[in-house]
Amino acid sequence: MYEYRALKAQVRELQRLLGKKTMERFSSKAANGTRSAATTAALKSIRRSGQR
């Protein structure tokens, strides 16, 4: 049972880090003015999912 909890915590941390890197990538593109409509929609979706 301990291994399951440790793995679950590790997955959660990796998802958090991946989300952070994704947001940084979208933010840097936005700063450069290269954000498309699809990117804007994806960014909004990511932001909504992070506000649980």
Protein backbone atom coordinates (compact mmCIF):
# COMPACT_ATOMS: atom_id res chain seq x y z
CA MET A 1 0.00 0.00 0.00
CA TYR A 2 2.89 2.36 0.76
CA GLU A 3 4.35 1.83 -2.72
CA TYR A 4 1.02 2.74 -4.30
CA ARG A 5 0.81 6.00 -2.36
CA ALA A 6 4.41 6.87 -3.16
CA LEU A 7 3.86 6.21 -6.86
CA LYS A 8 0.64 8.19 -6.85
CA ALA A 9 2.41 11.14 -5.22
CA GLN A 10 5.20 10.91 -7.76
CA VAL A 11 2.73 10.91 -10.67
CA ARG A 12 0.98 13.93 -9.18
CA GLU A 13 4.29 15.79 -8.88
CA LEU A 14 5.28 14.93 -12.45
CA GLN A 15 1.89 16.13 -13.70
CA ARG A 16 2.36 19.37 -11.78
CA LEU A 17 5.82 19.92 -13.27
CA LEU A 18 4.60 19.12 -16.77
CA GLY A 19 1.74 21.57 -16.36
CA LYS A 20 4.15 24.24 -15.14
CA LYS A 21 6.45 23.73 -18.15
CA THR A 22 3.45 23.78 -20.49
CA MET A 23 2.27 27.07 -19.02
CA GLU A 24 5.77 28.54 -19.36
CA ARG A 25 5.88 27.50 -23.00
CA PHE A 26 2.49 29.04 -23.76
CA SER A 27 3.40 32.18 -21.85
CA SER A 28 6.65 32.65 -23.76
CA LYS A 29 4.84 32.24 -27.06
CA ALA A 30 2.25 34.78 -25.94
CA ALA A 31 5.00 37.23 -25.07
CA ASN A 32 6.39 36.82 -28.57
CA GLY A 33 2.94 37.31 -30.11
CA THR A 34 2.96 33.92 -31.81
CA ARG A 35 -0.04 32.45 -30.04
CA SER A 36 -2.74 30.97 -32.31
CA ALA A 37 -6.44 30.57 -31.56
CA ALA A 38 -5.89 26.87 -30.81
CA THR A 39 -3.09 27.72 -28.39
CA THR A 40 -5.28 30.30 -26.66
CA ALA A 41 -8.05 27.71 -26.24
CA ALA A 42 -5.60 25.14 -24.87
CA LEU A 43 -4.17 27.67 -22.43
CA LYS A 44 -7.63 28.56 -21.14
CA SER A 45 -8.40 24.87 -20.69
CA ILE A 46 -5.20 24.31 -18.73
CA ARG A 47 -5.92 27.29 -16.51
CA ARG A 48 -9.45 26.05 -15.81
CA SER A 49 -8.26 22.56 -14.94
CA GLY A 50 -5.74 24.01 -12.48
CA GLN A 51 -8.44 25.86 -10.55
CA ARG A 52 -9.99 22.90 -8.79
